[in-house]
Amino acid sequence: MPILKNIEIAKLIEEVSLKKSNLFLVFETILILLLIGLKSSKMPTTIKAALKRWEEASGKKAGEAKEIKLIGVYPPIEKMDGPFHLLINCEKFSLSTNMITNIQV
């Protein structure tokens, strides 16, 4: 089952809220949609894969860049156990919207 996009979820919630004025039904619908999204989500992104995507998007090599921003990576990064020793020129490394539970340098 494909992952629903935020716009699709918002439209579904709006349809339900217009049909039913009961707030409980709106929250119930949100919960169901979130559960559908969680079941169909992919495996977490590795830091190595995120850096590769960043290189493709920016056209720069991670080992030569002074600033790397991994903002809004999806699926989220869970572990920071990547090739940080290769980022010798990096002065600023930015992350956001991730679920990092472990950092290994």
N, C-alpha and C. Protein backbone atom coordinates (compact mmCIF):
# COMPACT_ATOMS: atom_id res chain seq x y z
N MET A 1 0.85 -1.18 0.00
CA MET A 1 0.00 0.00 0.00
C MET A 1 0.89 1.24 0.00
N PRO A 2 0.66 2.19 -0.90
CA PRO A 2 1.51 3.39 -0.96
C PRO A 2 1.32 4.29 0.25
N ILE A 3 2.34 5.05 0.54
CA ILE A 3 2.29 6.00 1.65
C ILE A 3 1.45 7.19 1.22
N LEU A 4 0.50 7.57 2.06
CA LEU A 4 -0.32 8.74 1.76
C LEU A 4 0.47 10.01 1.99
N LYS A 5 0.34 10.96 1.10
CA LYS A 5 1.01 12.24 1.26
C LYS A 5 0.19 13.13 2.19
N ASN A 6 0.83 14.14 2.77
CA ASN A 6 0.16 15.04 3.70
C ASN A 6 -1.07 15.69 3.09
N ILE A 7 -1.00 16.03 1.82
CA ILE A 7 -2.13 16.68 1.16
C ILE A 7 -3.31 15.72 1.08
N GLU A 8 -3.02 14.44 0.73
CA GLU A 8 -4.09 13.44 0.65
C GLU A 8 -4.72 13.21 2.02
N ILE A 9 -3.90 13.16 3.05
CA ILE A 9 -4.41 12.97 4.41
C ILE A 9 -5.29 14.15 4.80
N ALA A 10 -4.85 15.35 4.50
CA ALA A 10 -5.62 16.55 4.84
C ALA A 10 -6.98 16.55 4.12
N LYS A 11 -7.00 16.12 2.86
CA LYS A 11 -8.27 16.06 2.12
C LYS A 11 -9.21 15.04 2.74
N LEU A 12 -8.69 13.89 3.11
CA LEU A 12 -9.53 12.86 3.73
C LEU A 12 -10.09 13.34 5.07
N ILE A 13 -9.25 13.99 5.85
CA ILE A 13 -9.71 14.49 7.14
C ILE A 13 -10.78 15.56 6.95
N GLU A 14 -10.58 16.43 5.95
CA GLU A 14 -11.55 17.48 5.68
C GLU A 14 -12.90 16.88 5.27
N GLU A 15 -12.86 15.84 4.41
CA GLU A 15 -14.10 15.18 3.99
C GLU A 15 -14.84 14.60 5.19
N VAL A 16 -14.11 13.94 6.07
CA VAL A 16 -14.74 13.34 7.25
C VAL A 16 -15.32 14.42 8.15
N SER A 17 -14.57 15.49 8.36
CA SER A 17 -15.04 16.54 9.26
C SER A 17 -16.25 17.28 8.70
N LEU A 18 -16.37 17.35 7.37
CA LEU A 18 -17.54 17.99 6.78
C LEU A 18 -18.78 17.10 6.92
N LYS A 19 -18.56 15.80 6.80
CA LYS A 19 -19.68 14.86 6.89
C LYS A 19 -20.12 14.65 8.33
N LYS A 20 -19.19 14.62 9.22
CA LYS A 20 -19.47 14.34 10.63
C LYS A 20 -18.94 15.49 11.46
N SER A 21 -19.74 16.04 12.28
CA SER A 21 -19.27 17.13 13.13
C SER A 21 -18.69 16.61 14.43
N ASN A 22 -18.72 15.31 14.62
CA ASN A 22 -18.21 14.71 15.84
C ASN A 22 -16.68 14.72 15.83
N LEU A 23 -16.09 15.42 16.77
CA LEU A 23 -14.63 15.54 16.84
C LEU A 23 -13.95 14.20 17.02
N PHE A 24 -14.58 13.30 17.75
CA PHE A 24 -14.02 11.98 17.97
C PHE A 24 -13.79 11.25 16.65
N LEU A 25 -14.71 11.35 15.72
CA LEU A 25 -14.57 10.67 14.43
C LEU A 25 -13.41 11.24 13.63
N VAL A 26 -13.18 12.54 13.76
CA VAL A 26 -12.05 13.16 13.06
C VAL A 26 -10.73 12.60 13.61
N PHE A 27 -10.60 12.56 14.94
CA PHE A 27 -9.37 12.01 15.53
C PHE A 27 -9.20 10.54 15.22
N GLU A 28 -10.29 9.81 15.19
CA GLU A 28 -10.24 8.39 14.85
C GLU A 28 -9.72 8.20 13.43
N THR A 29 -10.18 9.05 12.52
CA THR A 29 -9.73 8.98 11.13
C THR A 29 -8.25 9.31 11.02
N ILE A 30 -7.80 10.32 11.73
CA ILE A 30 -6.38 10.69 11.73
C ILE A 30 -5.54 9.51 12.22
N LEU A 31 -5.96 8.89 13.30
CA LEU A 31 -5.22 7.75 13.85
C LEU A 31 -5.13 6.61 12.85
N ILE A 32 -6.23 6.30 12.21
CA ILE A 32 -6.23 5.22 11.21
C ILE A 32 -5.29 5.53 10.06
N LEU A 33 -5.33 6.77 9.57
CA LEU A 33 -4.45 7.16 8.47
C LEU A 33 -2.99 7.09 8.87
N LEU A 34 -2.68 7.49 10.10
CA LEU A 34 -1.30 7.41 10.58
C LEU A 34 -0.85 5.96 10.69
N LEU A 35 -1.71 5.10 11.16
CA LEU A 35 -1.36 3.68 11.26
C LEU A 35 -1.13 3.07 9.89
N ILE A 36 -1.94 3.45 8.91
CA ILE A 36 -1.74 2.96 7.54
C ILE A 36 -0.37 3.41 7.04
N GLY A 37 -0.04 4.67 7.30
CA GLY A 37 1.26 5.19 6.86
C GLY A 37 2.42 4.49 7.54
N LEU A 38 2.29 4.17 8.84
CA LEU A 38 3.36 3.49 9.56
C LEU A 38 3.57 2.08 9.04
N LYS A 39 2.49 1.38 8.74
CA LYS A 39 2.61 0.01 8.25
C LYS A 39 3.26 -0.04 6.88
N SER A 40 3.05 0.99 6.08
CA SER A 40 3.58 0.96 4.72
C SER A 40 4.91 1.72 4.58
N SER A 41 5.44 2.23 5.70
CA SER A 41 6.68 3.00 5.61
C SER A 41 7.87 2.09 5.33
N LYS A 42 8.90 2.67 4.79
CA LYS A 42 10.10 1.93 4.42
C LYS A 42 11.04 1.80 5.60
N MET A 43 12.10 1.06 5.38
CA MET A 43 13.16 0.94 6.39
C MET A 43 13.82 2.30 6.56
N PRO A 44 14.42 2.55 7.74
CA PRO A 44 15.08 3.84 7.95
C PRO A 44 16.24 4.05 6.98
N THR A 45 16.53 5.31 6.71
CA THR A 45 17.66 5.66 5.85
C THR A 45 18.95 5.57 6.64
N THR A 46 19.99 5.03 6.03
CA THR A 46 21.30 5.02 6.68
C THR A 46 21.97 6.36 6.40
N ILE A 47 22.91 6.71 7.23
CA ILE A 47 23.61 7.98 7.02
C ILE A 47 24.39 7.93 5.70
N LYS A 48 24.89 6.75 5.36
CA LYS A 48 25.62 6.58 4.10
C LYS A 48 24.70 6.86 2.91
N ALA A 49 23.47 6.32 2.95
CA ALA A 49 22.51 6.56 1.87
C ALA A 49 22.09 8.03 1.82
N ALA A 50 21.92 8.64 2.99
CA ALA A 50 21.53 10.05 3.03
C ALA A 50 22.63 10.93 2.44
N LEU A 51 23.88 10.62 2.74
CA LEU A 51 24.99 11.38 2.18
C LEU A 51 25.07 11.20 0.66
N LYS A 52 24.80 9.98 0.20
CA LYS A 52 24.82 9.72 -1.25
C LYS A 52 23.74 10.55 -1.95
N ARG A 53 22.53 10.58 -1.35
CA ARG A 53 21.45 11.40 -1.92
C ARG A 53 21.81 12.88 -1.91
N TRP A 54 22.47 13.32 -0.81
CA TRP A 54 22.88 14.72 -0.72
C TRP A 54 23.87 15.04 -1.83
N GLU A 55 24.82 14.13 -2.08
CA GLU A 55 25.80 14.34 -3.15
C GLU A 55 25.12 14.45 -4.52
N GLU A 56 24.13 13.59 -4.75
CA GLU A 56 23.41 13.63 -6.03
C GLU A 56 22.63 14.93 -6.18
N ALA A 57 21.99 15.38 -5.12
CA ALA A 57 21.19 16.60 -5.17
C ALA A 57 22.04 17.86 -5.28
N SER A 58 23.16 17.89 -4.57
CA SER A 58 23.98 19.11 -4.53
C SER A 58 25.03 19.16 -5.64
N GLY A 59 25.39 18.00 -6.18
CA GLY A 59 26.44 17.95 -7.19
C GLY A 59 27.84 18.07 -6.59
N LYS A 60 27.94 18.02 -5.26
CA LYS A 60 29.23 18.11 -4.56
C LYS A 60 29.57 16.77 -3.94
N LYS A 61 30.84 16.58 -3.62
CA LYS A 61 31.27 15.38 -2.91
C LYS A 61 31.25 15.67 -1.41
N ALA A 62 30.69 14.75 -0.64
CA ALA A 62 30.57 14.96 0.80
C ALA A 62 31.93 15.15 1.46
N GLY A 63 32.95 14.46 0.98
CA GLY A 63 34.29 14.57 1.56
C GLY A 63 34.95 15.91 1.32
N GLU A 64 34.45 16.67 0.36
CA GLU A 64 35.04 17.97 0.03
C GLU A 64 34.20 19.15 0.52
N ALA A 65 32.96 18.90 0.92
CA ALA A 65 32.04 19.97 1.29
C ALA A 65 32.35 20.53 2.67
N LYS A 66 32.18 21.84 2.83
CA LYS A 66 32.36 22.49 4.13
C LYS A 66 31.07 22.47 4.93
N GLU A 67 29.92 22.39 4.22
CA GLU A 67 28.62 22.38 4.91
C GLU A 67 27.73 21.31 4.28
N ILE A 68 27.15 20.47 5.13
CA ILE A 68 26.24 19.42 4.68
C ILE A 68 24.95 19.54 5.48
N LYS A 69 23.82 19.61 4.77
CA LYS A 69 22.52 19.69 5.43
C LYS A 69 21.69 18.48 5.03
N LEU A 70 21.37 17.66 6.01
CA LEU A 70 20.48 16.52 5.80
C LEU A 70 19.15 16.86 6.48
N ILE A 71 18.40 17.71 5.82
CA ILE A 71 17.15 18.24 6.37
C ILE A 71 15.97 17.50 5.73
N GLY A 72 15.08 16.98 6.55
CA GLY A 72 13.87 16.33 6.05
C GLY A 72 14.12 15.03 5.32
N VAL A 73 15.09 14.26 5.75
CA VAL A 73 15.39 12.98 5.11
C VAL A 73 14.24 12.01 5.40
N TYR A 74 13.72 11.37 4.34
CA TYR A 74 12.65 10.38 4.52
C TYR A 74 12.95 9.16 3.68
N PRO A 75 12.83 8.00 4.22
CA PRO A 75 12.55 7.66 5.61
C PRO A 75 13.64 8.22 6.52
N PRO A 76 13.30 8.51 7.79
CA PRO A 76 14.23 9.16 8.70
C PRO A 76 15.50 8.36 8.98
N ILE A 77 16.54 9.07 9.39
CA ILE A 77 17.79 8.44 9.81
C ILE A 77 17.60 7.99 11.25
N GLU A 78 17.99 6.75 11.56
CA GLU A 78 17.86 6.23 12.92
C GLU A 78 19.20 6.13 13.63
N LYS A 79 20.24 5.74 12.91
CA LYS A 79 21.55 5.54 13.53
C LYS A 79 22.60 6.39 12.82
N MET A 80 23.46 6.97 13.62
CA MET A 80 24.56 7.77 13.07
C MET A 80 25.84 6.93 13.13
N ASP A 81 25.88 5.89 12.34
CA ASP A 81 27.04 5.01 12.35
C ASP A 81 27.67 4.94 10.96
N GLY A 82 27.82 6.10 10.38
CA GLY A 82 28.28 6.15 9.01
C GLY A 82 29.74 6.53 8.85
N PRO A 83 30.10 6.86 7.64
CA PRO A 83 31.49 7.16 7.28
C PRO A 83 31.89 8.59 7.58
N PHE A 84 31.83 8.98 8.86
CA PHE A 84 32.15 10.37 9.21
C PHE A 84 33.62 10.69 9.04
N HIS A 85 34.47 9.69 9.08
CA HIS A 85 35.90 9.93 8.90
C HIS A 85 36.22 10.45 7.50
N LEU A 86 35.29 10.31 6.56
CA LEU A 86 35.50 10.79 5.20
C LEU A 86 35.13 12.27 5.05
N LEU A 87 34.44 12.83 6.04
CA LEU A 87 34.00 14.23 5.96
C LEU A 87 35.07 15.16 6.53
N ILE A 88 36.25 15.13 5.96
CA ILE A 88 37.39 15.84 6.53
C ILE A 88 37.28 17.36 6.42
N ASN A 89 36.57 17.88 5.43
CA ASN A 89 36.44 19.33 5.25
C ASN A 89 35.17 19.89 5.86
N CYS A 90 34.31 19.05 6.37
CA CYS A 90 33.01 19.50 6.87
C CYS A 90 33.16 20.29 8.17
N GLU A 91 32.68 21.53 8.14
CA GLU A 91 32.70 22.40 9.31
C GLU A 91 31.32 22.51 9.95
N LYS A 92 30.27 22.29 9.14
CA LYS A 92 28.90 22.40 9.65
C LYS A 92 28.08 21.23 9.09
N PHE A 93 27.55 20.40 10.01
CA PHE A 93 26.76 19.23 9.63
C PHE A 93 25.38 19.39 10.27
N SER A 94 24.33 19.58 9.46
CA SER A 94 22.99 19.86 9.98
C SER A 94 22.04 18.69 9.75
N LEU A 95 21.23 18.40 10.77
CA LEU A 95 20.22 17.34 10.70
C LEU A 95 18.90 17.88 11.21
N SER A 96 17.80 17.33 10.70
CA SER A 96 16.49 17.64 11.27
C SER A 96 15.50 16.56 10.88
N THR A 97 14.39 16.52 11.58
CA THR A 97 13.30 15.57 11.37
C THR A 97 13.79 14.14 11.20
N ASN A 98 14.61 13.72 12.09
CA ASN A 98 15.13 12.35 12.08
C ASN A 98 14.83 11.69 13.41
N MET A 99 15.04 10.39 13.50
CA MET A 99 14.76 9.63 14.71
C MET A 99 16.05 8.97 15.19
N ILE A 100 17.07 9.74 15.43
CA ILE A 100 18.38 9.21 15.77
C ILE A 100 18.36 8.68 17.20
N THR A 101 18.75 7.43 17.36
CA THR A 101 18.79 6.81 18.67
C THR A 101 20.22 6.48 19.10
N ASN A 102 21.15 6.51 18.17
CA ASN A 102 22.50 6.09 18.47
C ASN A 102 23.49 6.88 17.61
N ILE A 103 24.54 7.42 18.23
CA ILE A 103 25.58 8.12 17.50
C ILE A 103 26.91 7.46 17.77
N GLN A 104 27.55 6.99 16.70
CA GLN A 104 28.88 6.38 16.81
C GLN A 104 29.82 7.12 15.89
N VAL A 105 30.91 7.60 16.44
CA VAL A 105 31.88 8.35 15.63
C VAL A 105 33.12 7.51 15.45
